[in-house]
PDB file of N, CA and C in Angstrom:
ATOM      1  N   UNK A   1     -29.563   0.636   1.130  1.00  0.00           N
ATOM      2  CA  UNK A   1     -28.086   0.773   1.032  1.00  0.00           C
ATOM      3  C   UNK A   1     -27.534   0.219  -0.391  1.00  0.00           C
ATOM      4  N   UNK A   2     -26.405   0.598  -1.133  1.00  0.00           N
ATOM      5  CA  UNK A   2     -26.181   0.494  -2.412  1.00  0.00           C
ATOM      6  C   UNK A   2     -25.165  -0.284  -2.100  1.00  0.00           C
ATOM      7  N   UNK A   3     -24.968  -1.386  -2.818  1.00  0.00           N
ATOM      8  CA  UNK A   3     -23.930  -2.393  -2.536  1.00  0.00           C
ATOM      9  C   UNK A   3     -22.625  -2.219  -3.698  1.00  0.00           C
ATOM     10  N   UNK A   4     -21.487  -2.006  -2.608  1.00  0.00           N
ATOM     11  CA  UNK A   4     -20.469  -1.637  -3.767  1.00  0.00           C
ATOM     12  C   UNK A   4     -19.900  -3.112  -3.875  1.00  0.00           C
ATOM     13  N   UNK A   5     -18.930  -3.027  -4.826  1.00  0.00           N
ATOM     14  CA  UNK A   5     -17.965  -3.875  -5.164  1.00  0.00           C
ATOM     15  C   UNK A   5     -16.797  -3.981  -4.425  1.00  0.00           C
ATOM     16  N   UNK A   6     -16.293  -5.214  -4.190  1.00  0.00           N
ATOM     17  CA  UNK A   6     -15.117  -5.848  -2.885  1.00  0.00           C
ATOM     18  C   UNK A   6     -14.026  -5.353  -3.781  1.00  0.00           C
ATOM     19  N   UNK A   7     -13.855  -4.847  -4.772  1.00  0.00           N
ATOM     20  CA  UNK A   7     -12.672  -3.926  -5.257  1.00  0.00           C
ATOM     21  C   UNK A   7     -12.529  -2.745  -4.812  1.00  0.00           C
ATOM     22  N   UNK A   8     -13.547  -2.069  -4.371  1.00  0.00           N
ATOM     23  CA  UNK A   8     -13.769  -0.845  -3.873  1.00  0.00           C
ATOM     24  C   UNK A   8     -12.745  -0.860  -2.399  1.00  0.00           C
ATOM     25  N   UNK A   9     -13.309  -1.777  -2.025  1.00  0.00           N
ATOM     26  CA  UNK A   9     -12.580  -1.894  -0.508  1.00  0.00           C
ATOM     27  C   UNK A   9     -11.070  -2.358  -0.364  1.00  0.00           C
ATOM     28  N   UNK A  10     -11.075  -3.142  -1.298  1.00  0.00           N
ATOM     29  CA  UNK A  10      -9.410  -3.257  -1.097  1.00  0.00           C
ATOM     30  C   UNK A  10      -8.663  -2.641  -1.664  1.00  0.00           C
ATOM     31  N   UNK A  11      -8.897  -1.673  -2.287  1.00  0.00           N
ATOM     32  CA  UNK A  11      -8.264  -0.501  -2.832  1.00  0.00           C
ATOM     33  C   UNK A  11      -7.727   0.368  -1.842  1.00  0.00           C
ATOM     34  N   UNK A  12      -8.881   0.822  -1.180  1.00  0.00           N
ATOM     35  CA  UNK A  12      -9.017   1.555  -0.001  1.00  0.00           C
ATOM     36  C   UNK A  12      -8.094   0.980   1.003  1.00  0.00           C
ATOM     37  N   UNK A  13      -8.153  -0.144   1.565  1.00  0.00           N
ATOM     38  CA  UNK A  13      -7.231  -1.047   2.020  1.00  0.00           C
ATOM     39  C   UNK A  13      -5.399  -0.950   2.021  1.00  0.00           C
ATOM     40  N   UNK A  14      -5.524  -1.153   0.592  1.00  0.00           N
ATOM     41  CA  UNK A  14      -4.477  -1.205   0.003  1.00  0.00           C
ATOM     42  C   UNK A  14      -3.578   0.028   0.451  1.00  0.00           C
ATOM     43  N   UNK A  15      -4.363   1.032  -0.068  1.00  0.00           N
ATOM     44  CA  UNK A  15      -3.639   2.336   0.008  1.00  0.00           C
ATOM     45  C   UNK A  15      -3.253   2.769   1.523  1.00  0.00           C
ATOM     46  N   UNK A  16      -4.302   2.564   2.572  1.00  0.00           N
ATOM     47  CA  UNK A  16      -3.907   2.735   3.770  1.00  0.00           C
ATOM     48  C   UNK A  16      -2.669   1.733   4.415  1.00  0.00           C
ATOM     49  N   UNK A  17      -2.693   0.384   3.646  1.00  0.00           N
ATOM     50  CA  UNK A  17      -1.080  -0.420   3.774  1.00  0.00           C
ATOM     51  C   UNK A  17      -0.278   0.185   3.785  1.00  0.00           C
ATOM     52  N   UNK A  18      -0.015   1.108   2.322  1.00  0.00           N
ATOM     53  CA  UNK A  18       1.120   1.377   1.683  1.00  0.00           C
ATOM     54  C   UNK A  18       1.166   2.402   2.249  1.00  0.00           C
ATOM     55  N   UNK A  19       0.200   3.464   2.156  1.00  0.00           N
ATOM     56  CA  UNK A  19       0.873   4.884   3.254  1.00  0.00           C
ATOM     57  C   UNK A  19       1.489   4.329   4.807  1.00  0.00           C
ATOM     58  N   UNK A  20       1.454   3.552   5.303  1.00  0.00           N
ATOM     59  CA  UNK A  20       1.344   2.831   6.681  1.00  0.00           C
ATOM     60  C   UNK A  20       2.775   2.915   6.395  1.00  0.00           C
ATOM     61  N   UNK A  21       3.043   1.864   5.936  1.00  0.00           N
ATOM     62  CA  UNK A  21       4.562   0.885   5.793  1.00  0.00           C
ATOM     63  C   UNK A  21       5.624   1.861   5.022  1.00  0.00           C
ATOM     64  N   UNK A  22       4.872   3.567   4.307  1.00  0.00           N
ATOM     65  CA  UNK A  22       5.813   4.316   4.028  1.00  0.00           C
ATOM     66  C   UNK A  22       6.207   4.611   5.510  1.00  0.00           C
ATOM     67  N   UNK A  23       5.147   5.170   6.264  1.00  0.00           N
ATOM     68  CA  UNK A  23       5.095   6.035   7.360  1.00  0.00           C
ATOM     69  C   UNK A  23       6.192   5.216   8.396  1.00  0.00           C
ATOM     70  N   UNK A  24       6.388   3.474   8.263  1.00  0.00           N
ATOM     71  CA  UNK A  24       7.391   2.712   9.135  1.00  0.00           C
ATOM     72  C   UNK A  24       8.579   3.691   8.730  1.00  0.00           C
ATOM     73  N   UNK A  25       8.346   3.131   7.613  1.00  0.00           N
ATOM     74  CA  UNK A  25      10.124   3.393   7.192  1.00  0.00           C
ATOM     75  C   UNK A  25      10.755   4.665   7.279  1.00  0.00           C
ATOM     76  N   UNK A  26       9.550   5.670   7.480  1.00  0.00           N
ATOM     77  CA  UNK A  26      10.490   7.157   8.140  1.00  0.00           C
ATOM     78  C   UNK A  26      10.194   6.936   8.729  1.00  0.00           C
ATOM     79  N   UNK A  27       9.429   6.585   9.543  1.00  0.00           N
ATOM     80  CA  UNK A  27       9.728   6.505  11.716  1.00  0.00           C
ATOM     81  C   UNK A  27      11.119   5.836  11.942  1.00  0.00           C
ATOM     82  N   UNK A  28      11.661   4.725  11.252  1.00  0.00           N
ATOM     83  CA  UNK A  28      12.816   3.998  11.413  1.00  0.00           C
ATOM     84  C   UNK A  28      14.090   5.056  11.252  1.00  0.00           C
ATOM     85  N   UNK A  29      13.725   5.574   9.881  1.00  0.00           N
ATOM     86  CA  UNK A  29      15.232   6.071   9.551  1.00  0.00           C
ATOM     87  C   UNK A  29      15.126   7.631  10.506  1.00  0.00           C
ATOM     88  N   UNK A  30      14.095   8.116  10.607  1.00  0.00           N
ATOM     89  CA  UNK A  30      13.918   9.466  11.928  1.00  0.00           C
ATOM     90  C   UNK A  30      13.625   9.108  13.095  1.00  0.00           C
ATOM     91  N   UNK A  31      13.804   7.781  13.623  1.00  0.00           N
ATOM     92  CA  UNK A  31      13.847   7.319  15.411  1.00  0.00           C
ATOM     93  C   UNK A  31      12.198   7.576  15.335  1.00  0.00           C
ATOM     94  N   UNK A  32      11.583   7.665  15.047  1.00  0.00           N
ATOM     95  CA  UNK A  32       9.786   7.940  15.636  1.00  0.00           C
ATOM     96  C   UNK A  32       9.068   7.054  15.113  1.00  0.00           C
ATOM     97  N   UNK A  33       8.798   5.668  15.044  1.00  0.00           N
ATOM     98  CA  UNK A  33       7.995   4.916  14.266  1.00  0.00           C
ATOM     99  C   UNK A  33       6.965   5.294  14.830  1.00  0.00           C
ATOM    100  N   UNK A  34       6.301   5.155  15.517  1.00  0.00           N
ATOM    101  CA  UNK A  34       4.890   5.643  16.121  1.00  0.00           C
ATOM    102  C   UNK A  34       4.737   6.596  15.744  1.00  0.00           C
ATOM    103  N   UNK A  35       4.609   7.771  15.565  1.00  0.00           N
ATOM    104  CA  UNK A  35       4.184   8.937  15.232  1.00  0.00           C
ATOM    105  C   UNK A  35       4.310   8.649  13.600  1.00  0.00           C
ATOM    106  N   UNK A  36       5.455   8.343  12.702  1.00  0.00           N
ATOM    107  CA  UNK A  36       5.080   8.010  11.546  1.00  0.00           C
ATOM    108  C   UNK A  36       4.019   7.253  10.688  1.00  0.00           C
ATOM    109  N   UNK A  37       4.174   5.930  11.640  1.00  0.00           N
ATOM    110  CA  UNK A  37       2.962   5.547  11.452  1.00  0.00           C
ATOM    111  C   UNK A  37       1.603   5.472  11.301  1.00  0.00           C
ATOM    112  N   UNK A  38       1.363   6.361  12.843  1.00  0.00           N
ATOM    113  CA  UNK A  38       0.297   6.991  12.575  1.00  0.00           C
ATOM    114  C   UNK A  38      -0.303   8.245  11.676  1.00  0.00           C
ATOM    115  N   UNK A  39       0.590   9.595  11.205  1.00  0.00           N
ATOM    116  CA  UNK A  39       0.708  10.009  10.278  1.00  0.00           C
ATOM    117  C   UNK A  39       0.703   9.047   8.382  1.00  0.00           C
ATOM    118  N   UNK A  40       1.163   8.263   8.132  1.00  0.00           N
ATOM    119  CA  UNK A  40       1.024   7.370   7.314  1.00  0.00           C
ATOM    120  C   UNK A  40      -0.348   6.443   7.082  1.00  0.00           C
ATOM    121  N   UNK A  41      -0.872   6.559   8.067  1.00  0.00           N
ATOM    122  CA  UNK A  41      -2.116   5.670   8.645  1.00  0.00           C
ATOM    123  C   UNK A  41      -3.409   6.920   8.069  1.00  0.00           C
ATOM    124  N   UNK A  42      -3.067   7.737   8.629  1.00  0.00           N
ATOM    125  CA  UNK A  42      -3.850   8.737   8.326  1.00  0.00           C
ATOM    126  C   UNK A  42      -4.219   9.412   7.071  1.00  0.00           C
ATOM    127  N   UNK A  43      -2.410   9.637   6.519  1.00  0.00           N
ATOM    128  CA  UNK A  43      -2.555   9.769   5.191  1.00  0.00           C
ATOM    129  C   UNK A  43      -3.234   9.155   4.040  1.00  0.00           C
ATOM    130  N   UNK A  44      -3.210   7.588   4.324  1.00  0.00           N
ATOM    131  CA  UNK A  44      -3.785   6.832   3.621  1.00  0.00           C
ATOM    132  C   UNK A  44      -5.059   6.271   3.553  1.00  0.00           C
ATOM    133  N   UNK A  45      -5.806   6.642   4.758  1.00  0.00           N
ATOM    134  CA  UNK A  45      -7.026   6.814   4.911  1.00  0.00           C
ATOM    135  C   UNK A  45      -7.833   8.291   3.913  1.00  0.00           C
ATOM    136  N   UNK A  46      -7.170   8.918   3.869  1.00  0.00           N
ATOM    137  CA  UNK A  46      -7.445  10.821   3.445  1.00  0.00           C
ATOM    138  C   UNK A  46      -7.286  10.141   2.047  1.00  0.00           C
ATOM    139  N   UNK A  47      -6.234   9.743   0.924  1.00  0.00           N
ATOM    140  CA  UNK A  47      -5.851   9.248   0.063  1.00  0.00           C
ATOM    141  C   UNK A  47      -7.064   8.158  -0.387  1.00  0.00           C
ATOM    142  N   UNK A  48      -7.117   7.123   0.607  1.00  0.00           N
ATOM    143  CA  UNK A  48      -8.355   5.966   0.020  1.00  0.00           C
ATOM    144  C   UNK A  48      -9.588   6.677  -0.412  1.00  0.00           C
ATOM    145  N   UNK A  49     -10.113   7.439   0.334  1.00  0.00           N
ATOM    146  CA  UNK A  49     -11.011   8.044   0.440  1.00  0.00           C
ATOM    147  C   UNK A  49     -11.756   8.888  -0.869  1.00  0.00           C
ATOM    148  N   UNK A  50     -10.462   9.746  -1.391  1.00  0.00           N
ATOM    149  CA  UNK A  50     -10.380  10.572  -2.303  1.00  0.00           C
ATOM    150  C   UNK A  50     -10.333   9.599  -3.636  1.00  0.00           C
ATOM    151  N   UNK A  51      -9.540   8.543  -3.531  1.00  0.00           N
ATOM    152  CA  UNK A  51     -10.046   7.949  -4.646  1.00  0.00           C
ATOM    153  C   UNK A  51     -10.968   7.190  -4.730  1.00  0.00           C
ATOM    154  N   UNK A  52     -11.623   6.792  -3.798  1.00  0.00           N
ATOM    155  CA  UNK A  52     -12.982   5.959  -3.712  1.00  0.00           C
ATOM    156  C   UNK A  52     -13.753   6.983  -4.360  1.00  0.00           C
ATOM    157  N   UNK A  53     -13.952   8.568  -3.874  1.00  0.00           N
ATOM    158  CA  UNK A  53     -14.434   9.439  -4.311  1.00  0.00           C
ATOM    159  C   UNK A  53     -14.589   9.940  -5.759  1.00  0.00           C
ATOM    160  N   UNK A  54     -13.148   9.618  -6.181  1.00  0.00           N
ATOM    161  CA  UNK A  54     -13.335  10.097  -7.472  1.00  0.00           C
ATOM    162  C   UNK A  54     -13.720   9.185  -8.729  1.00  0.00           C
ATOM    163  N   UNK A  55     -13.709   7.304  -8.205  1.00  0.00           N
ATOM    164  CA  UNK A  55     -14.347   6.501  -9.062  1.00  0.00           C
ATOM    165  C   UNK A  55     -15.663   6.605  -8.970  1.00  0.00           C
TER     166      UNK A  55
END
């Protein structure tokens, strides 16, 4: 198994957290926090994975 730098995991985590935060804000505005939190976290995972592959 290849060792990976901690910064790669930090970047993916940051992406997930930021997208989840946007989801929470959208959920608060649209009166459905849980659904938008899940959508935001899911988008964060996908974007984080794409970002890791691109690097």
